[in-house]
Protein backbone atom coordinates (compact mmCIF):
# COMPACT_ATOMS: atom_id res chain seq x y z
CA MET A 1 110.75 185.65 -36.51
CA SER A 2 109.20 188.89 -37.73
CA VAL A 3 105.97 190.44 -36.58
CA GLY A 4 103.28 190.98 -39.17
CA THR A 5 103.34 190.30 -42.85
CA THR A 6 106.60 189.61 -44.59
CA ILE A 7 106.89 191.93 -47.57
CA THR A 8 108.52 190.68 -50.75
CA LYS A 9 110.57 192.61 -53.31
CA LYS A 10 107.81 191.95 -55.84
CA GLU A 11 105.23 193.61 -53.56
CA LEU A 12 107.46 196.62 -52.91
CA ASP A 13 108.18 197.01 -56.62
CA ALA A 14 104.49 196.76 -57.47
CA ALA A 15 103.53 199.32 -54.80
CA ILE A 16 106.07 201.95 -55.83
CA THR A 17 105.29 201.43 -59.50
CA ALA A 18 101.57 201.95 -58.85
CA ILE A 19 102.18 205.04 -56.70
CA GLY A 20 104.59 206.57 -59.20
CA THR A 21 102.28 205.88 -62.12
CA ASP A 22 99.25 207.27 -60.26
CA ILE A 23 101.10 210.49 -59.40
CA HIS A 24 102.39 210.91 -62.95
CA LEU A 25 98.93 210.40 -64.45
CA ALA A 26 97.28 212.69 -61.88
CA MET A 27 99.74 215.50 -62.57
CA ASN A 28 99.15 215.23 -66.32
CA ARG A 29 95.37 215.16 -65.80
CA ALA A 30 95.66 218.24 -63.56
CA ALA A 31 97.42 220.21 -66.27
CA GLU A 32 94.89 219.10 -68.88
CA PHE A 33 91.95 220.03 -66.64
CA LYS A 34 93.43 223.48 -65.90
CA TYR A 35 93.85 224.05 -69.63
CA TYR A 36 90.20 223.07 -70.19
CA LEU A 37 88.82 225.10 -67.28
CA ASP A 38 90.72 228.19 -68.38
CA GLY A 39 88.55 228.17 -71.51
CA VAL A 40 85.28 227.96 -69.58
CA LEU A 41 83.59 231.25 -68.71
CA ASP A 42 82.15 231.88 -65.27
CA GLU A 43 78.79 232.48 -66.96
CA ASP A 44 78.91 228.95 -68.38
CA LEU A 45 79.61 227.53 -64.92
CA THR A 46 76.75 229.59 -63.49
CA THR A 47 74.48 228.02 -66.09
CA LEU A 48 75.52 224.64 -64.65
CA THR A 49 74.21 225.93 -61.27
CA TYR A 50 77.57 226.77 -59.71
CA SER A 51 77.41 229.78 -57.40
CA ALA A 52 80.05 232.51 -57.49
CA GLY A 53 81.59 230.96 -54.36
CA ASP A 54 81.60 227.51 -55.95
CA ILE A 55 83.32 228.89 -59.03
CA ALA A 56 85.97 230.63 -56.93
CA ASN A 57 86.62 227.42 -54.96
CA LEU A 58 86.77 225.35 -58.13
CA ARG A 59 89.15 227.71 -59.90
CA THR A 60 91.40 228.02 -56.84
CA ALA A 61 91.49 224.26 -56.29
CA VAL A 62 92.39 223.71 -59.94
CA ALA A 63 95.06 226.42 -59.77
CA ASP A 64 96.56 224.70 -56.71
CA ILE A 65 96.54 221.33 -58.46
CA ASN A 66 98.16 222.90 -61.50
CA GLN A 67 100.82 224.48 -59.29
CA MET A 68 101.60 221.03 -57.88
CA SER A 69 101.83 219.74 -61.43
CA THR A 70 104.31 222.42 -62.51
CA ILE A 71 106.43 221.77 -59.41
CA PHE A 72 106.27 218.01 -60.02
CA ASN A 73 107.34 218.48 -63.64
CA GLY A 74 110.22 220.78 -62.68
CA ALA A 75 108.73 223.83 -64.38
CA ALA A 76 108.37 225.78 -61.12
CA SER A 77 109.57 225.77 -57.55
CA LEU A 78 107.95 226.61 -54.24
CA ALA A 79 109.74 229.11 -52.00
CA VAL A 80 107.66 228.47 -48.87
CA ALA A 81 105.70 225.51 -47.57
CA LYS A 82 102.10 225.33 -48.77
CA ASP A 83 99.24 223.04 -47.79
CA PHE A 84 97.73 222.21 -51.17
CA ARG A 85 94.72 220.63 -49.44
CA THR A 86 93.20 223.97 -48.37
CA PHE A 87 90.88 224.37 -51.36
CA LEU A 88 90.99 220.77 -52.53
CA ARG A 89 89.25 219.57 -49.39
CA ARG A 90 86.31 221.74 -50.42
CA VAL A 91 85.86 219.78 -53.64
CA TRP A 92 86.94 216.21 -52.95
CA GLY A 93 83.94 215.21 -50.85
CA PHE A 94 83.41 212.31 -48.52
CA GLY A 95 85.34 209.07 -48.63
CA VAL A 96 88.72 210.75 -48.91
CA ASP A 97 91.04 210.81 -45.94
CA ARG A 98 91.13 214.54 -45.39
CA TRP A 99 93.18 214.63 -42.24
CA THR A 100 96.48 213.14 -43.41
């Protein structure tokens, strides 16, 4: 007798497929967003009511996400450990588990 729910192969396969697909799509979206944001001037963001600090946080968060994307895609490596959440936690808002 096991304790808790018995997991099936189908459930494991579905879970890893969903996780893998989500990561793949997120990494591609990150690269696309970085490409877009690189073409947006700070003055344009200021017009949208972003402050200079907001713009710096946004650009740094996007740069961090893009770095993850290049590492994920094998186009770069990371020599030392880095917590990619440092600037992302400033933009992801409530409802996201920030402490894991």
